[in-house]
Amino acid sequence: MTLYYSLVFLILVTEMVIFMSLIVPLPFTWRRKLFTFISESPLVAKLQYGMKITFIFILILFIDSVNRVYRVQVELAAAAESPAGRGGAAVLGGSERMEVQARKFYSQRNMYLCGFTLFLSLILNRTYVMILDVLRLEEENKRLKGDPAAKGKDAAALGNAGDPGEIGRLKKELAARERDLEALKNQTASQQREYNRMGDQISPADSMPKKDR
């Protein structure tokens, strides 16, 4: 195996290890901290950018390996259609046959290696996105259930809204506010009546000098 295909195999093993680490069941807090670190770390972002370039080269190797497999198949088909290959006899003989079979084996191996590496990279990317969505939904679910660990006043308010007894408490608060509003209306009306009464008392006193004049 050449150096670059050895590197592709190493990347494939690394992807398998990462995939296993992603699907390992972990506590919600640990998993949230881990994915928060992955999402916010600049080193991980640079590594992801470098891996994208690496996968472009792996795609080129995959296309080259598919081309080699196709050429070997064409060569074997041409040899089978030759006069020496008619009648079910051996298509190629001796070392030449072994050399063609070896090239076919290596070409197929390289094609499968690059193909599985690319395919697993897509699976890893999709799994990572799905786990982020699950974490976000779990966090939202905890906030709606009133988890004390939820951050922010709004999150706490949303969490209390999911409590079954919260509706009754809100109704009591609404009734208390309605009573306060009614008391405020009565107080305003009483003050208005008192203001009108004092106005009626002051008006005759103000009108007396006008009559004397």
Protein backbone atom coordinates (compact mmCIF):
# COMPACT_ATOMS: atom_id res chain seq x y z
CA MET A 1 0.00 0.00 0.00
CA THR A 2 1.41 3.36 -1.01
CA LEU A 3 1.87 6.24 1.43
CA TYR A 4 -1.22 8.21 0.46
CA TYR A 5 -3.46 5.16 0.63
CA SER A 6 -1.95 4.39 4.04
CA LEU A 7 -2.95 7.91 5.10
CA VAL A 8 -6.45 7.31 3.74
CA PHE A 9 -6.66 4.12 5.81
CA LEU A 10 -5.51 6.07 8.89
CA ILE A 11 -8.23 8.67 8.25
CA LEU A 12 -10.79 5.89 7.90
CA VAL A 13 -9.77 4.39 11.27
CA THR A 14 -9.90 7.87 12.85
CA GLU A 15 -13.39 8.40 11.48
CA MET A 16 -14.48 5.08 12.93
CA VAL A 17 -13.13 6.05 16.35
CA ILE A 18 -14.84 9.46 16.19
CA PHE A 19 -18.11 7.86 15.13
CA MET A 20 -17.97 5.42 18.04
CA SER A 21 -17.26 8.30 20.43
CA LEU A 22 -20.28 10.17 19.09
CA ILE A 23 -22.70 7.31 19.64
CA VAL A 24 -21.38 6.35 23.07
CA PRO A 25 -24.10 7.20 25.65
CA LEU A 26 -22.91 10.05 27.87
CA PRO A 27 -24.65 12.22 30.47
CA PHE A 28 -26.41 15.23 29.04
CA THR A 29 -24.10 17.70 30.80
CA TRP A 30 -20.93 16.00 29.54
CA ARG A 31 -22.26 15.72 26.02
CA ARG A 32 -23.33 19.38 26.01
CA LYS A 33 -19.91 20.54 27.21
CA LEU A 34 -18.16 18.34 24.65
CA PHE A 35 -20.17 19.61 21.69
CA THR A 36 -19.97 23.19 22.94
CA PHE A 37 -16.18 22.85 22.94
CA ILE A 38 -16.21 21.34 19.45
CA SER A 39 -18.49 24.08 18.12
CA GLU A 40 -16.58 27.00 19.66
CA SER A 41 -12.96 25.84 19.51
CA PRO A 42 -10.94 27.68 16.81
CA LEU A 43 -8.51 24.75 16.66
CA VAL A 44 -11.31 22.35 15.78
CA ALA A 45 -12.57 24.80 13.14
CA LYS A 46 -9.13 24.90 11.50
CA LEU A 47 -8.93 21.11 11.67
CA GLN A 48 -12.32 20.79 9.98
CA TYR A 49 -11.19 23.16 7.23
CA GLY A 50 -8.05 21.09 6.65
CA MET A 51 -10.10 17.88 6.57
CA LYS A 52 -12.35 19.33 3.87
CA ILE A 53 -9.29 19.86 1.67
CA THR A 54 -8.09 16.35 2.51
CA PHE A 55 -11.41 14.85 1.47
CA ILE A 56 -11.12 16.61 -1.88
CA PHE A 57 -7.86 14.74 -2.50
CA ILE A 58 -9.49 11.50 -1.31
CA LEU A 59 -12.28 12.10 -3.83
CA ILE A 60 -9.65 12.46 -6.57
CA LEU A 61 -8.07 9.17 -5.45
CA PHE A 62 -11.49 7.53 -5.48
CA ILE A 63 -12.15 8.67 -9.04
CA ASP A 64 -8.70 7.44 -10.09
CA SER A 65 -9.27 4.04 -8.45
CA VAL A 66 -12.65 3.68 -10.18
CA ASN A 67 -10.96 4.49 -13.48
CA ARG A 68 -8.29 1.84 -12.83
CA VAL A 69 -10.93 -0.78 -11.99
CA TYR A 70 -12.76 0.06 -15.20
CA ARG A 71 -9.58 -0.24 -17.29
CA VAL A 72 -8.75 -3.61 -15.75
CA GLN A 73 -12.27 -4.86 -16.48
CA VAL A 74 -11.97 -3.66 -20.05
CA GLU A 75 -8.61 -5.41 -20.39
CA LEU A 76 -10.04 -8.67 -19.05
CA ALA A 77 -13.06 -8.40 -21.35
CA ALA A 78 -10.81 -7.78 -24.36
CA ALA A 79 -8.68 -10.78 -23.48
CA ALA A 80 -11.78 -12.95 -23.13
CA GLU A 81 -12.96 -11.95 -26.58
CA SER A 82 -9.59 -12.77 -28.18
CA PRO A 83 -9.14 -16.08 -30.09
CA ALA A 84 -7.11 -17.49 -27.22
CA GLY A 85 -9.97 -16.85 -24.86
CA ARG A 86 -12.64 -18.65 -26.89
CA GLY A 87 -13.85 -22.06 -25.90
CA GLY A 88 -13.66 -21.46 -22.15
CA ALA A 89 -9.89 -21.71 -21.96
CA ALA A 90 -7.83 -19.56 -19.67
CA VAL A 91 -7.95 -15.94 -20.78
CA LEU A 92 -4.45 -15.13 -19.72
CA GLY A 93 -1.72 -17.45 -18.69
CA GLY A 94 1.05 -17.54 -16.17
CA SER A 95 2.50 -14.39 -14.68
CA GLU A 96 0.50 -12.15 -16.98
CA ARG A 97 -2.79 -13.44 -15.56
CA MET A 98 -1.52 -13.02 -11.99
CA GLU A 99 -0.38 -9.49 -12.75
CA VAL A 100 -3.81 -8.51 -14.11
CA GLN A 101 -5.60 -10.11 -11.19
CA ALA A 102 -3.29 -8.28 -8.76
CA ARG A 103 -3.98 -4.95 -10.44
CA LYS A 104 -7.69 -5.67 -10.27
CA PHE A 105 -7.49 -6.53 -6.58
CA TYR A 106 -5.46 -3.43 -5.67
CA SER A 107 -7.70 -1.17 -7.73
CA GLN A 108 -10.84 -2.52 -6.07
CA ARG A 109 -9.22 -2.27 -2.64
CA ASN A 110 -8.30 1.37 -3.22
CA MET A 111 -11.76 2.11 -4.56
CA TYR A 112 -13.46 0.58 -1.53
CA LEU A 113 -11.03 2.29 0.86
CA CYS A 114 -11.59 5.77 -0.58
CA GLY A 115 -15.30 5.20 -1.05
CA PHE A 116 -15.90 4.09 2.53
CA THR A 117 -13.79 6.99 3.82
CA LEU A 118 -15.86 9.52 1.90
CA PHE A 119 -19.13 7.83 2.83
CA LEU A 120 -18.23 7.74 6.52
CA SER A 121 -17.27 11.42 6.41
CA LEU A 122 -20.80 12.23 5.22
CA ILE A 123 -22.26 10.05 7.97
CA LEU A 124 -20.11 11.77 10.59
CA ASN A 125 -21.16 15.21 9.41
CA ARG A 126 -24.84 14.30 9.43
CA THR A 127 -24.57 12.57 12.82
CA TYR A 128 -22.85 15.62 14.29
CA VAL A 129 -25.62 17.92 13.04
CA MET A 130 -28.34 15.60 14.34
CA ILE A 131 -26.72 15.37 17.78
CA LEU A 132 -26.53 19.17 17.94
CA ASP A 133 -30.24 19.33 17.13
CA VAL A 134 -31.01 16.75 19.81
CA LEU A 135 -29.00 18.69 22.39
CA ARG A 136 -30.80 21.89 21.46
CA LEU A 137 -34.18 20.18 21.80
CA GLU A 138 -33.21 18.61 25.14
CA GLU A 139 -32.07 22.01 26.40
CA GLU A 140 -35.35 23.56 25.29
CA ASN A 141 -37.28 20.72 26.92
CA LYS A 142 -35.47 21.26 30.22
CA ARG A 143 -36.24 24.97 30.06
CA LEU A 144 -39.92 24.30 29.42
CA LYS A 145 -40.02 21.90 32.38
CA GLY A 146 -38.53 24.50 34.68
CA ASP A 147 -35.12 22.99 35.16
CA PRO A 148 -33.19 25.04 37.79
CA ALA A 149 -30.09 24.67 35.65
CA ALA A 150 -31.75 26.61 32.83
CA LYS A 151 -30.17 30.01 32.35
CA GLY A 152 -31.92 33.35 32.03
CA LYS A 153 -35.12 34.88 33.37
CA ASP A 154 -36.99 34.13 30.17
CA ALA A 155 -35.90 30.51 30.27
CA ALA A 156 -37.14 30.22 33.86
CA ALA A 157 -40.45 31.77 32.90
CA LEU A 158 -40.83 29.34 30.02
CA GLY A 159 -39.94 26.49 32.32
CA ASN A 160 -42.60 27.45 34.87
CA ALA A 161 -45.17 27.64 32.10
CA GLY A 162 -44.88 23.91 31.69
CA ASP A 163 -45.88 23.23 35.31
CA PRO A 164 -49.46 21.84 35.58
CA GLY A 165 -50.14 23.92 38.73
CA GLU A 166 -48.95 27.09 37.08
CA ILE A 167 -52.32 27.70 35.42
CA GLY A 168 -54.08 27.86 38.78
CA ARG A 169 -51.46 30.22 40.19
CA LEU A 170 -51.79 32.47 37.15
CA LYS A 171 -55.57 32.52 37.56
CA LYS A 172 -55.18 33.57 41.20
CA GLU A 173 -52.77 36.32 40.23
CA LEU A 174 -55.16 37.49 37.52
CA ALA A 175 -58.06 37.57 39.98
CA ALA A 176 -55.93 39.50 42.48
CA ARG A 177 -54.98 42.03 39.82
CA GLU A 178 -58.62 42.39 38.82
CA ARG A 179 -59.52 43.09 42.45
CA ASP A 180 -56.74 45.65 42.68
CA LEU A 181 -57.97 47.25 39.48
CA GLU A 182 -61.52 47.38 40.79
CA ALA A 183 -60.35 48.92 44.07
CA LEU A 184 -58.35 51.47 42.11
CA LYS A 185 -61.43 52.33 40.05
CA ASN A 186 -63.51 52.77 43.23
CA GLN A 187 -60.82 54.94 44.78
CA THR A 188 -60.64 57.05 41.63
CA ALA A 189 -64.43 57.45 41.60
CA SER A 190 -64.43 58.42 45.30
CA GLN A 191 -61.74 61.01 44.71
CA GLN A 192 -63.68 62.37 41.73
CA ARG A 193 -66.83 62.73 43.86
CA GLU A 194 -64.85 64.43 46.60
CA TYR A 195 -63.32 66.77 44.03
CA ASN A 196 -66.77 67.64 42.66
CA ARG A 197 -68.14 68.24 46.18
CA MET A 198 -65.27 70.55 47.05
CA GLY A 199 -65.79 72.35 43.75
CA ASP A 200 -69.46 72.86 44.55
CA GLN A 201 -68.56 74.29 47.95
CA ILE A 202 -65.98 76.67 46.58
CA SER A 203 -68.09 77.90 43.65
CA PRO A 204 -70.75 79.81 45.77
CA ALA A 205 -68.01 81.49 47.80
CA ASP A 206 -66.35 82.65 44.59
CA SER A 207 -69.63 83.97 43.21
CA MET A 208 -70.50 86.20 46.25
CA PRO A 209 -68.14 89.12 45.40
CA LYS A 210 -69.54 89.19 41.90
CA LYS A 211 -73.10 89.73 43.23
CA ASP A 212 -71.94 92.53 45.59
CA ARG A 213 -70.39 94.32 42.69
